[in-house]
Protein backbone atom coordinates (compact mmCIF):
# COMPACT_ATOMS: atom_id res chain seq x y z
CA MET A 1 9.77 10.68 -12.37
CA SER A 2 9.57 11.08 -16.28
CA GLN A 3 6.49 11.77 -18.12
CA SER A 4 6.60 8.47 -20.00
CA ASN A 5 7.05 6.57 -16.76
CA ILE A 6 4.06 8.33 -15.27
CA ILE A 7 1.90 7.39 -18.16
CA LYS A 8 3.06 3.90 -17.90
CA ARG A 9 2.07 3.99 -14.17
CA LEU A 10 -1.45 5.44 -14.97
CA ILE A 11 -2.08 2.77 -17.55
CA SER A 12 -0.83 0.00 -15.30
CA GLY A 13 -3.09 1.48 -12.50
CA PHE A 14 -5.98 1.46 -14.81
CA ILE A 15 -5.66 -2.12 -15.66
CA LEU A 16 -4.58 -3.47 -12.18
CA PHE A 17 -7.13 -1.61 -9.88
CA PRO A 18 -10.31 -2.96 -11.19
CA ILE A 19 -8.84 -6.49 -11.11
CA PHE A 20 -7.59 -6.11 -7.50
CA PHE A 21 -11.06 -4.61 -6.21
CA TYR A 22 -12.84 -7.42 -8.11
CA LEU A 23 -10.89 -10.02 -6.46
CA ILE A 24 -11.46 -8.52 -3.09
CA ILE A 25 -15.33 -8.53 -3.58
CA GLU A 26 -15.17 -11.87 -5.14
CA GLY A 27 -13.10 -13.35 -2.39
CA GLY A 28 -13.02 -17.22 -1.85
CA LEU A 29 -10.30 -19.42 -3.50
CA LYS A 30 -9.22 -16.78 -6.24
CA PHE A 31 -8.40 -14.37 -3.56
CA ASN A 32 -6.49 -16.82 -1.54
CA LEU A 33 -4.56 -17.90 -4.56
CA ILE A 34 -3.66 -14.41 -5.47
CA LEU A 35 -2.62 -13.68 -1.94
CA LEU A 36 -0.31 -16.70 -2.02
CA LEU A 37 1.12 -15.67 -5.34
CA ALA A 38 1.68 -11.98 -3.96
CA LEU A 39 3.38 -13.59 -0.92
CA SER A 40 5.72 -15.71 -3.20
CA ILE A 41 6.64 -12.70 -5.55
CA SER A 42 7.30 -10.41 -2.52
CA ILE A 43 9.70 -12.90 -0.86
CA PHE A 44 11.51 -13.47 -4.33
CA GLU A 45 12.02 -9.66 -4.65
CA TRP A 46 13.02 -9.26 -0.92
CA VAL A 47 15.83 -11.86 -0.94
CA ASN A 48 17.28 -10.14 -3.97
CA PHE A 49 18.02 -7.10 -1.89
CA LYS A 50 21.81 -6.56 -1.24
CA ILE A 51 21.34 -6.63 2.59
CA GLU A 52 22.84 -9.02 5.37
CA LYS A 53 21.30 -12.39 5.65
CA LEU A 54 19.79 -11.87 9.00
CA LEU A 55 17.90 -8.84 7.71
CA LYS A 56 16.69 -11.01 4.90
CA PHE A 57 15.71 -13.69 7.27
CA PHE A 58 13.64 -11.18 9.44
CA GLY A 59 12.21 -9.80 6.07
CA VAL A 60 10.97 -13.08 4.85
CA PHE A 61 9.52 -13.81 8.43
CA PHE A 62 7.68 -10.36 8.51
CA LEU A 63 6.20 -11.00 4.93
CA PHE A 64 4.90 -14.44 6.27
CA PHE A 65 3.63 -12.72 9.45
CA SER A 66 2.07 -9.86 7.22
CA PHE A 67 0.23 -12.04 4.63
CA TYR A 68 -0.98 -14.51 7.14
CA LEU A 69 -2.53 -11.52 9.10
CA ILE A 70 -3.91 -10.20 5.80
CA PHE A 71 -5.60 -13.64 5.24
CA LEU A 72 -7.04 -13.62 8.83
CA PHE A 73 -8.33 -10.18 8.02
CA TRP A 74 -9.93 -11.19 4.95
CA ASN A 75 -11.55 -14.34 6.56
CA PHE A 76 -12.72 -12.40 9.78
CA GLU A 77 -16.43 -13.22 10.21
CA SER A 78 -18.09 -9.83 9.96
CA GLU A 79 -20.53 -8.14 7.83
CA LEU A 80 -17.94 -5.16 7.51
CA THR A 81 -15.19 -7.46 6.40
CA ILE A 82 -15.36 -6.37 2.79
CA PHE A 83 -15.87 -2.87 3.66
CA ASN A 84 -12.90 -2.63 6.02
CA PHE A 85 -10.85 -4.29 3.61
CA LEU A 86 -11.88 -1.93 0.82
CA LEU A 87 -11.25 1.00 3.29
CA VAL A 88 -7.56 -0.15 4.19
CA SER A 89 -6.92 -0.71 0.34
CA ILE A 90 -8.26 2.64 -0.75
CA ILE A 91 -6.40 4.51 1.97
CA CYS A 92 -3.11 2.80 0.93
CA ILE A 93 -3.78 3.57 -2.83
CA ALA A 94 -4.86 7.16 -1.95
CA SER A 95 -1.87 7.74 0.09
CA ASP A 96 0.25 6.64 -2.67
CA ILE A 97 -1.43 8.72 -5.33
CA GLY A 98 -1.55 11.93 -2.91
CA GLY A 99 2.15 11.60 -2.23
CA LEU A 100 2.94 11.36 -5.86
CA LEU A 101 0.64 14.13 -7.18
CA PHE A 102 1.03 16.73 -4.52
CA GLY A 103 4.75 16.01 -4.45
CA LYS A 104 5.11 16.43 -8.10
CA ILE A 105 2.97 19.58 -8.33
CA LEU A 106 3.74 21.34 -5.23
CA LYS A 107 7.33 20.20 -4.76
CA GLY A 108 8.64 21.81 -1.59
CA PRO A 109 11.23 20.53 1.07
CA LYS A 110 12.36 17.11 0.80
CA LEU A 111 10.92 14.67 3.59
CA SER A 112 13.98 12.46 3.86
CA LYS A 113 17.32 11.34 2.25
CA ILE A 114 15.78 7.79 2.36
CA SER A 115 13.71 8.69 -0.56
CA PRO A 116 14.50 11.79 -2.24
CA ASN A 117 11.22 11.98 -4.29
CA LYS A 118 9.29 12.25 -1.20
CA THR A 119 8.17 15.62 0.15
CA TYR A 120 6.21 17.28 3.04
CA SER A 121 3.72 18.41 0.37
CA GLY A 122 3.36 14.81 -0.51
CA VAL A 123 2.65 13.63 3.02
CA LEU A 124 0.06 16.17 3.14
CA GLY A 125 -1.53 15.22 -0.10
CA ALA A 126 -1.42 11.47 1.16
CA PHE A 127 -3.59 12.39 4.02
CA ILE A 128 -5.94 14.78 2.10
CA LEU A 129 -6.71 12.11 -0.64
CA SER A 130 -7.05 9.21 2.03
CA PHE A 131 -9.78 11.29 3.78
CA LEU A 132 -11.45 12.20 0.47
CA PHE A 133 -11.25 8.71 -1.25
CA SER A 134 -12.35 7.17 2.17
CA TYR A 135 -15.42 9.56 2.24
CA PHE A 136 -16.54 8.42 -1.20
CA LEU A 137 -16.42 4.70 0.09
CA PHE A 138 -18.49 5.68 3.18
CA SER A 139 -20.96 7.54 0.86
CA PHE A 140 -21.13 4.55 -1.51
CA TYR A 141 -22.07 2.18 1.41
CA ASN A 142 -24.30 4.79 2.81
CA PHE A 143 -22.28 5.11 5.90
CA SER A 144 -21.70 8.81 5.68
CA SER A 145 -23.25 9.24 9.14
CA ILE A 146 -20.46 7.49 10.90
CA TYR A 147 -17.54 8.78 8.68
CA ASN A 148 -16.29 11.21 11.55
CA GLN A 149 -15.99 8.30 13.95
CA TYR A 150 -13.31 6.66 11.51
CA LEU A 151 -11.27 9.90 11.08
CA PHE A 152 -8.42 8.81 13.35
CA LYS A 153 -8.34 5.36 11.98
CA ILE A 154 -8.07 6.71 8.43
CA PHE A 155 -5.26 9.07 9.47
CA LEU A 156 -3.33 6.28 11.37
CA ILE A 157 -3.78 3.76 8.37
CA SER A 158 -2.43 6.49 5.89
CA LEU A 159 0.54 7.09 8.24
CA ILE A 160 1.31 3.45 8.63
CA SER A 161 1.28 3.04 4.92
CA GLN A 162 3.58 5.96 4.29
CA LEU A 163 6.05 4.59 6.89
CA GLY A 164 5.89 1.31 5.14
CA ASP A 165 6.69 2.87 2.04
CA LEU A 166 9.49 4.74 3.45
CA THR A 167 10.77 1.41 5.14
CA ILE A 168 10.98 -0.53 1.73
CA SER A 169 12.54 2.72 0.16
CA PHE A 170 15.05 2.57 3.06
CA PHE A 171 16.21 -0.96 2.12
CA LYS A 172 16.23 -0.15 -1.50
CA ARG A 173 18.56 2.74 -1.04
CA ILE A 174 20.92 0.29 1.07
CA SER A 175 20.76 -2.08 -1.85
CA GLN A 176 21.31 0.56 -4.38
CA LEU A 177 18.05 -0.27 -6.30
CA LYS A 178 15.65 2.12 -7.85
CA ASP A 179 12.72 -0.41 -8.05
CA THR A 180 12.16 -3.96 -6.26
CA GLY A 181 11.70 -5.49 -9.65
CA ARG A 182 10.32 -4.98 -13.09
CA LEU A 183 6.94 -6.70 -12.89
CA ILE A 184 4.57 -3.88 -13.26
CA PRO A 185 5.30 -1.23 -15.92
CA GLY A 186 5.77 2.23 -14.48
CA HIS A 187 5.51 0.99 -10.95
CA GLY A 188 8.54 -1.47 -10.72
CA GLY A 189 8.18 -4.67 -8.57
CA LEU A 190 5.20 -5.85 -6.71
CA LEU A 191 6.88 -4.63 -3.30
CA ASP A 192 6.97 -1.09 -4.75
CA ARG A 193 3.33 -1.17 -4.98
CA ILE A 194 2.20 -3.15 -1.83
CA ASP A 195 4.94 -1.70 0.46
CA GLY A 196 2.45 0.35 2.49
CA MET A 197 -0.16 -2.40 2.56
CA ILE A 198 2.02 -5.15 4.04
CA PHE A 199 2.39 -2.79 7.11
CA ALA A 200 -1.07 -1.30 7.00
CA PHE A 201 -3.24 -4.32 6.89
CA PRO A 202 -1.48 -6.30 9.59
CA LEU A 203 -1.61 -3.48 11.97
CA THR A 204 -5.10 -2.44 11.20
CA TYR A 205 -6.22 -5.97 11.92
CA LEU A 206 -4.27 -6.06 15.25
CA ILE A 207 -5.45 -2.71 16.45
CA PHE A 208 -8.73 -2.25 15.33
CA ILE A 209 -10.16 -5.70 14.43
């Protein structure tokens, strides 16, 4: 990844992340409309992949299923709903940042031919930043005393997020695409950014909530 692309990515992140977290905390109709818009864009990007029609069909079905569970996750009646939603979001974002930074700085052996830029050091960095960022969230909510009880969940959510990233990378490689789109400067398409989330949120809801 070139230095100019990294700069674009950072600028986009600084603009989008506050908006994203505002929508999570604000909730209501705004959040549901953004969720519907994200689903529409994701489907549009997915059907542009150069893959078999059956795979496209299952992919569209998965996206509907995934976003529906994200909707249920957000509308789950619990005092911890916002906290849990923020937790999964932060873990996915931290996994992405950790994978990029540690992989870029430490380099080392490649993880897979599916995504040549991913390294074992990046995987380690994804877990490290997931634990670190999660701890900041627990501290902010004064939940530090129960942080250790969540360690396995944090590890599993980060792992699922990384596997989701690899899954979309696999289909991009088949389609000979660098990015799923050009929606977000420095990041590519929407699926490039939420690939981990569309796997992590549904599985977190099904397994833990």
